[in-house]
Structures are given as C-alpha cells and as structure tokens.
Amino acid sequence: MINPGEKEGDGEPKQDDAEKDDGGGYQYFFHVCRLIGQGLGWPYRWWRAGDHRRRTANATVLLAVVTLILALANLGMLNEMRRSGDQQHRDTLAAIGKTDDTLKALQDQTRIMGDQLSIMREQATSMSRQFAITEAQLRPRLSLSIERSDELRNTNTYEMVNGRYFTPVWKNTGSVAPEELIGWSHIRFFQGYSVGVLAPDPFRLGQEDVPLTLLTPSSANSYEQSSEFFEARELQQVHTKTVQLIAWGYIQYRDPFPGAPLHHINWCQKLIYIQTPKGPGAAWMPHSPDCNRED
C-alpha cells in the first residue's frame, strides 16, 4: 500500500538503511576477531580435548622441547663465550708476548746503559788519574837554600863591612807558582855546642809562635824569608867549631788547583865549615831529621 505523500522511484536513502549499514561493519570486525581468537586458541582447545594422560604426555613433550631449545640456546651462548674466551686468550698471549719483547728490549737497554756507565766510570777514573798525574807534574816544588850575601860596603863611606847576610830562599822548580805562601824563620847562635854535640831542637824553644808573614818573591821562581846579619868575628866562632849557627823556620802554601790541600814544611839547618879543593868553605846542612818534616 502506497502512502499518499510518497513518490515512486524516490532514490534518497533512509536513516534506517544507514544505521543498518553501520551495524554490518561492526559485525564484520567482530567476526574477524572471533576467527583470529579461534585460530590462536586451537592449542588450548587441543589441550582440553584430550584426556588427562594425553595432556600429561603432551606437556612432557612440550617441556622437553622447550628444555631442548633452552639447552641449544645455552649451548650457543657457551660456544660464543668459548669463542670469545679463546679470542681473549689469544689476545692475552699476544699481549704477554709483546710485554716479554718490551721487557727484553728494556733489559737490553739496561745492559747497554750499564756498559756505557761502566765505560764512563772507567773514563772518569782515567781522567782523575790523568788529572792527578798532571797536578803532580805541575804542582809547585819548593827547595830550600840559605844564601850568603856578597861582600858588603857602607853606602855612605863605601868602606868594606866586615860581615854577611844570610837569607833562607825557597826556589820553585814546579810549573806553577804556589798560592798563600806564608811563614817565619830565625837564625841564631847556640853557645856551648861544639862540633859533635847536637844542639837542641829549635822548634822546642817556643819560637814557632811568631806571626806568619807573606814570603816576598825575589825573582820569578824564588821566595825569600827574613834575612839575618852576622859579623865576621861571630862567624869565626863557627869556623873554630866552638858554637853552632842554626837557621830554622816554617812555611805553608797551597797548590793552585781546586780543592788542593794546605802543605806544611818545618825546616832547620846548621852552618858548617868544610875543606874544599879550593880551600876552606862554608855550607848549610840539615840540623836534625826530627825538625825537617813536610806534609
């Protein structure tokens, strides 16, 4: 039956049709989800479908399969760990080998340095010896002589002076001059000591306490100590051997080298008259070994 207000052939969709179309889409989505759930749920249905013994057997099989899979995974991990350990072992051995090579190289270098140090020590010892030899060859060498002056004349009257000056003179035969050369000296008669009677040691008379004075150079290689004048009549007593004329003194000096020690010389000599082919003469000779010493 056709409603009066409706026209035939009207193609406009109605609201109920639209609602039906939307409901069909939801149903399709739910159907698909249901199919997926059924597909994924087949193990559960398969599990529930069997009896208890079958399910226990299946569970044992599944557990064994899972255990086998885990064992294979662990085996793979162990193999990887073993491979990594072998690689680390090889790397460690290589590092140890390099360390051994380094230690050997260091030992070789140490041995070479030790040999070089020994050579340097030998060279230093040789240089020290050469330096000591050079010092010994170059050092000052002082020898004493007591010189008598020539005939003296009065500077005002030009008359002959009846006497002589005696001067201790140190002559240096070394290659270098001494440094800080100072000393003192005395010349005096000892009465009552004829020839053959040893006069006392002059150094025991307390006269070594006199002030030290700088020795004046008389020439390039000679240094003089204090001069003493004696008259001819006094010297005649020595000639007659009734008294002894003794000269004694002290000097000290350094070699001109770094760190050189201080040298000390005590000396004493006496005047004697001797017979020579040309006639009587005078000479100085050591008075006593005890008062002639050097360090």
Protein backbone atom coordinates (compact mmCIF):
# COMPACT_ATOMS: atom_id res chain seq x y z
CA MET A 1 0.00 0.00 0.00
CA ILE A 2 1.41 3.34 -1.05
CA ASN A 3 1.27 6.32 1.14
CA PRO A 4 -0.25 9.28 -0.45
CA GLY A 5 2.63 11.58 0.30
CA GLU A 6 5.34 9.31 -1.15
CA LYS A 7 6.54 9.36 -4.67
CA GLU A 8 7.50 6.36 -6.66
CA GLY A 9 11.06 5.98 -7.59
CA ASP A 10 12.39 8.13 -4.74
CA GLY A 11 16.18 7.28 -4.55
CA GLU A 12 17.12 9.09 -1.30
CA PRO A 13 18.45 6.72 1.38
CA LYS A 14 16.61 6.48 4.57
CA GLN A 15 18.06 6.78 8.08
CA ASP A 16 17.22 3.19 8.93
CA ASP A 17 19.24 1.96 5.98
CA ALA A 18 22.29 3.96 7.15
CA GLU A 19 22.01 2.50 10.61
CA LYS A 20 21.83 -0.99 9.10
CA ASP A 21 24.99 -0.36 7.06
CA ASP A 22 26.93 0.77 10.18
CA GLY A 23 25.83 -2.28 12.10
CA GLY A 24 27.11 -4.55 9.33
CA GLY A 25 30.66 -3.11 9.61
CA TYR A 26 30.85 -3.73 13.33
CA GLN A 27 29.63 -7.24 12.86
CA TYR A 28 32.32 -7.92 10.27
CA PHE A 29 35.07 -6.62 12.59
CA PHE A 30 33.80 -8.78 15.43
CA HIS A 31 33.67 -11.78 13.14
CA VAL A 32 37.26 -11.33 12.11
CA CYS A 33 38.36 -11.02 15.72
CA ARG A 34 36.47 -14.13 16.59
CA LEU A 35 38.20 -16.04 13.78
CA ILE A 36 41.60 -14.87 14.96
CA GLY A 37 40.78 -15.88 18.52
CA GLN A 38 39.71 -19.28 17.32
CA GLY A 39 42.90 -19.66 15.31
CA LEU A 40 45.07 -18.73 18.22
CA GLY A 41 43.06 -20.73 20.70
CA TRP A 42 43.46 -24.07 18.96
CA PRO A 43 46.28 -25.23 21.27
CA TYR A 44 44.12 -24.65 24.26
CA ARG A 45 41.19 -26.49 22.64
CA TRP A 46 43.56 -29.23 21.53
CA TRP A 47 44.90 -29.43 25.05
CA ARG A 48 41.48 -29.58 26.62
CA ALA A 49 40.19 -32.06 24.04
CA GLY A 50 42.43 -34.97 25.15
CA ASP A 51 42.30 -36.96 28.28
CA HIS A 52 44.47 -36.39 31.33
CA ARG A 53 47.22 -38.84 30.42
CA ARG A 54 47.46 -37.49 26.95
CA ARG A 55 47.65 -33.94 28.25
CA THR A 56 50.42 -35.01 30.69
CA ALA A 57 52.35 -36.67 27.87
CA ASN A 58 51.90 -33.63 25.68
CA ALA A 59 53.04 -31.37 28.48
CA THR A 60 56.13 -33.52 29.00
CA VAL A 61 56.89 -33.37 25.29
CA LEU A 62 56.44 -29.61 25.23
CA LEU A 63 58.61 -29.21 28.32
CA ALA A 64 61.27 -31.40 26.74
CA VAL A 65 61.09 -29.36 23.53
CA VAL A 66 61.36 -26.10 25.48
CA THR A 67 64.24 -27.54 27.54
CA LEU A 68 65.96 -28.64 24.33
CA ILE A 69 65.50 -25.21 22.86
CA LEU A 70 66.92 -23.58 26.02
CA ALA A 71 69.77 -26.09 26.04
CA LEU A 72 70.56 -25.30 22.42
CA ALA A 73 70.41 -21.59 23.25
CA ASN A 74 72.71 -22.10 26.23
CA LEU A 75 75.00 -24.22 24.07
CA GLY A 76 75.14 -21.46 21.52
CA MET A 77 75.88 -18.93 24.25
CA LEU A 78 78.55 -21.22 25.70
CA ASN A 79 80.11 -21.66 22.27
CA GLU A 80 80.09 -17.89 21.81
CA MET A 81 81.56 -17.41 25.25
CA ARG A 82 84.18 -20.04 24.50
CA ARG A 83 85.00 -18.37 21.22
CA SER A 84 85.24 -15.02 22.99
CA GLY A 85 87.36 -16.61 25.72
CA ASP A 86 89.67 -18.18 23.11
CA GLN A 87 90.00 -14.82 21.41
CA GLN A 88 90.71 -13.13 24.72
CA HIS A 89 93.24 -15.87 25.50
CA ARG A 90 94.94 -15.32 22.16
CA ASP A 91 94.88 -11.56 22.75
CA THR A 92 96.31 -12.08 26.26
CA LEU A 93 99.06 -14.34 24.90
CA ALA A 94 99.83 -11.76 22.22
CA ALA A 95 99.93 -9.01 24.86
CA ILE A 96 102.17 -11.16 27.05
CA GLY A 97 104.42 -11.78 24.07
CA LYS A 98 104.61 -8.05 23.40
CA THR A 99 105.29 -7.45 27.09
CA ASP A 100 108.07 -10.04 27.01
CA ASP A 101 109.53 -8.36 23.94
CA THR A 102 109.28 -4.99 25.69
CA LEU A 103 110.93 -6.39 28.84
CA LYS A 104 113.66 -7.95 26.76
CA ALA A 105 114.22 -4.66 24.96
CA LEU A 106 114.32 -2.86 28.32
CA GLN A 107 116.77 -5.43 29.66
CA ASP A 108 118.94 -4.97 26.58
CA GLN A 109 118.78 -1.19 27.03
CA THR A 110 119.59 -1.57 30.74
CA ARG A 111 122.57 -3.76 29.90
CA ILE A 112 123.75 -1.29 27.28
CA MET A 113 123.31 1.61 29.69
CA GLY A 114 125.17 -0.36 32.37
CA ASP A 115 128.03 -0.99 29.92
CA GLN A 116 128.06 2.68 28.98
CA LEU A 117 128.03 3.65 32.66
CA SER A 118 130.96 1.32 33.31
CA ILE A 119 132.83 2.86 30.40
CA MET A 120 132.03 6.34 31.69
CA ARG A 121 133.25 5.35 35.16
CA GLU A 122 136.46 3.98 33.69
CA GLN A 123 136.88 7.16 31.67
CA ALA A 124 136.21 9.28 34.77
CA THR A 125 138.73 7.21 36.75
CA SER A 126 141.25 7.55 33.96
CA MET A 127 140.63 11.29 33.76
CA SER A 128 141.02 11.57 37.54
CA ARG A 129 144.30 9.70 37.34
CA GLN A 130 145.46 11.85 34.46
CA PHE A 131 144.42 14.95 36.35
CA ALA A 132 146.26 13.72 39.45
CA ILE A 133 149.32 12.97 37.33
CA THR A 134 149.04 16.40 35.72
CA GLU A 135 148.72 18.04 39.14
CA ALA A 136 151.72 16.09 40.41
CA GLN A 137 153.71 17.16 37.37
CA LEU A 138 152.65 20.79 37.52
CA ARG A 139 152.45 21.38 41.28
CA PRO A 140 154.96 23.67 42.98
CA ARG A 141 158.18 22.01 44.11
CA LEU A 142 159.98 24.08 46.69
CA SER A 143 163.58 23.50 47.78
CA LEU A 144 165.43 25.50 50.42
CA SER A 145 168.84 27.09 50.24
CA ILE A 146 170.32 29.57 52.71
CA GLU A 147 172.23 32.10 50.67
CA ARG A 148 175.07 34.30 51.87
CA SER A 149 175.37 37.82 50.63
CA ASP A 150 178.43 39.05 48.77
CA GLU A 151 180.92 41.43 50.32
CA LEU A 152 179.12 44.42 51.79
CA ARG A 153 180.12 48.05 51.72
CA ASN A 154 178.84 51.01 53.65
CA THR A 155 176.59 53.01 51.36
CA ASN A 156 177.86 56.31 52.82
CA THR A 157 181.62 55.72 53.21
CA TYR A 158 181.87 52.82 50.76
CA GLU A 159 184.03 51.01 53.29
CA MET A 160 184.02 47.25 53.50
CA VAL A 161 181.54 45.88 56.03
CA ASN A 162 183.02 43.05 57.98
CA GLY A 163 180.08 40.63 57.96
CA ARG A 164 177.47 38.78 55.89
CA TYR A 165 173.68 38.49 55.49
CA PHE A 166 172.15 35.03 55.49
CA THR A 167 168.76 34.64 53.81
CA PRO A 168 166.55 31.49 53.54
CA VAL A 169 165.46 31.30 49.89
CA TRP A 170 162.83 28.90 48.53
CA LYS A 171 163.25 28.02 44.85
CA ASN A 172 160.28 26.67 42.93
CA THR A 173 161.14 24.10 40.25
CA GLY A 174 157.50 23.28 39.52
CA SER A 175 155.47 24.52 36.57
CA VAL A 176 153.07 26.66 38.60
CA ALA A 177 153.55 29.11 41.44
CA PRO A 178 152.38 28.33 44.98
CA GLU A 179 149.46 30.21 46.49
CA GLU A 180 149.12 31.67 50.00
CA LEU A 181 152.83 31.17 50.69
CA ILE A 182 153.49 32.41 54.24
CA GLY A 183 155.93 31.53 57.02
CA TRP A 184 158.55 32.64 59.52
CA SER A 185 162.27 32.00 60.11
CA HIS A 186 165.09 32.53 62.66
CA ILE A 187 168.90 32.32 62.56
CA ARG A 188 170.85 32.37 65.83
CA PHE A 189 173.94 31.10 67.59
CA PHE A 190 173.85 28.27 70.12
CA GLN A 191 176.72 28.75 72.58
CA GLY A 192 178.43 25.80 74.19
CA TYR A 193 177.59 23.31 71.44
CA SER A 194 180.74 22.43 69.58
CA VAL A 195 181.02 20.05 66.67
CA GLY A 196 179.83 16.57 67.60
CA VAL A 197 177.41 17.85 70.20
CA LEU A 198 173.82 18.08 68.92
CA ALA A 199 172.21 21.41 69.69
CA PRO A 200 168.62 21.34 70.98
CA ASP A 201 165.68 21.20 68.61
CA PRO A 202 164.99 24.88 67.91
CA PHE A 203 161.26 24.19 67.48
CA ARG A 204 161.09 23.33 71.18
CA LEU A 205 162.14 26.83 72.17
CA GLY A 206 158.63 28.22 71.67
CA GLN A 207 159.67 30.43 68.76
CA GLU A 208 157.24 28.78 66.35
CA ASP A 209 154.51 31.04 67.74
CA VAL A 210 155.81 34.08 65.86
CA PRO A 211 153.37 35.68 63.37
CA LEU A 212 153.29 34.31 59.86
CA THR A 213 154.34 36.74 57.14
CA LEU A 214 153.95 36.62 53.39
CA LEU A 215 157.09 35.50 51.60
CA THR A 216 158.35 38.13 49.17
CA PRO A 217 159.36 36.86 45.74
CA SER A 218 162.94 37.81 44.89
CA SER A 219 162.52 36.56 41.32
CA ALA A 220 160.03 34.68 39.21
CA ASN A 221 160.64 31.36 40.97
CA SER A 222 162.30 32.37 44.26
CA TYR A 223 160.79 33.45 47.58
CA GLU A 224 162.79 34.92 50.46
CA GLN A 225 162.29 34.69 54.20
CA SER A 226 163.74 37.02 56.80
CA SER A 227 167.48 37.87 56.48
CA GLU A 228 169.89 37.98 59.43
CA PHE A 229 173.25 39.83 59.59
CA PHE A 230 176.26 38.34 61.33
CA GLU A 231 179.67 39.91 61.86
CA ALA A 232 182.81 38.18 60.74
CA ARG A 233 184.05 37.64 64.29
CA GLU A 234 180.83 35.80 65.12
CA LEU A 235 181.20 33.61 62.10
CA GLN A 236 184.80 32.92 63.09
CA GLN A 237 183.48 31.14 66.17
CA VAL A 238 181.63 28.76 63.90
CA HIS A 239 184.81 28.32 61.92
CA THR A 240 186.68 27.39 65.10
CA LYS A 241 183.84 24.99 65.94
CA THR A 242 183.07 26.43 69.35
CA VAL A 243 179.46 27.43 68.60
CA GLN A 244 176.75 26.34 66.18
CA LEU A 245 174.80 28.68 63.88
CA ILE A 246 171.34 27.22 63.29
CA ALA A 247 168.58 28.50 60.98
CA TRP A 248 165.04 27.17 61.30
CA GLY A 249 161.54 28.13 60.26
CA TYR A 250 158.18 27.15 58.83
CA ILE A 251 156.21 27.75 55.62
CA GLN A 252 152.80 26.77 54.34
CA TYR A 253 151.21 27.05 50.90
CA ARG A 254 148.57 25.63 48.56
CA ASP A 255 148.75 24.24 45.07
CA PRO A 256 146.81 26.40 42.57
CA PHE A 257 144.22 23.68 41.90
CA PRO A 258 140.59 23.44 43.04
CA GLY A 259 140.31 21.74 46.41
CA ALA A 260 144.06 21.48 46.87
CA PRO A 261 145.14 20.82 50.49
CA LEU A 262 147.42 23.02 52.54
CA HIS A 263 151.12 21.97 52.60
CA HIS A 264 153.24 22.44 55.75
CA ILE A 265 157.04 22.41 55.90
CA ASN A 266 159.20 22.62 59.03
CA TRP A 267 162.89 23.07 58.33
CA CYS A 268 166.16 23.55 60.24
CA GLN A 269 169.78 23.74 59.03
CA LYS A 270 173.15 24.50 60.56
CA LEU A 271 176.25 26.14 59.15
CA ILE A 272 179.43 24.08 58.95
CA TYR A 273 182.88 24.76 57.57
CA ILE A 274 184.40 22.19 55.27
CA GLN A 275 187.64 21.79 53.39
CA THR A 276 187.33 22.02 49.60
CA PRO A 277 189.95 21.68 46.83
CA LYS A 278 189.94 25.46 46.66
CA GLY A 279 190.38 25.85 50.40
CA PRO A 280 188.13 26.21 53.43
CA GLY A 281 184.46 26.80 52.73
CA ALA A 282 181.06 27.01 54.44
CA ALA A 283 177.89 25.05 53.75
CA TRP A 284 174.46 24.54 55.25
CA MET A 285 173.26 21.05 56.03
CA PRO A 286 170.17 19.60 57.81
CA HIS A 287 170.47 20.03 61.56
CA SER A 288 168.28 17.08 62.60
CA PRO A 289 165.81 14.76 60.88
CA ASP A 290 163.30 15.46 63.63
CA CYS A 291 162.99 19.14 62.77
CA ASN A 292 162.81 18.65 58.97
CA ARG A 293 159.37 17.36 58.01
CA GLU A 294 156.74 18.04 55.40
CA ASP A 295 153.08 17.13 54.94
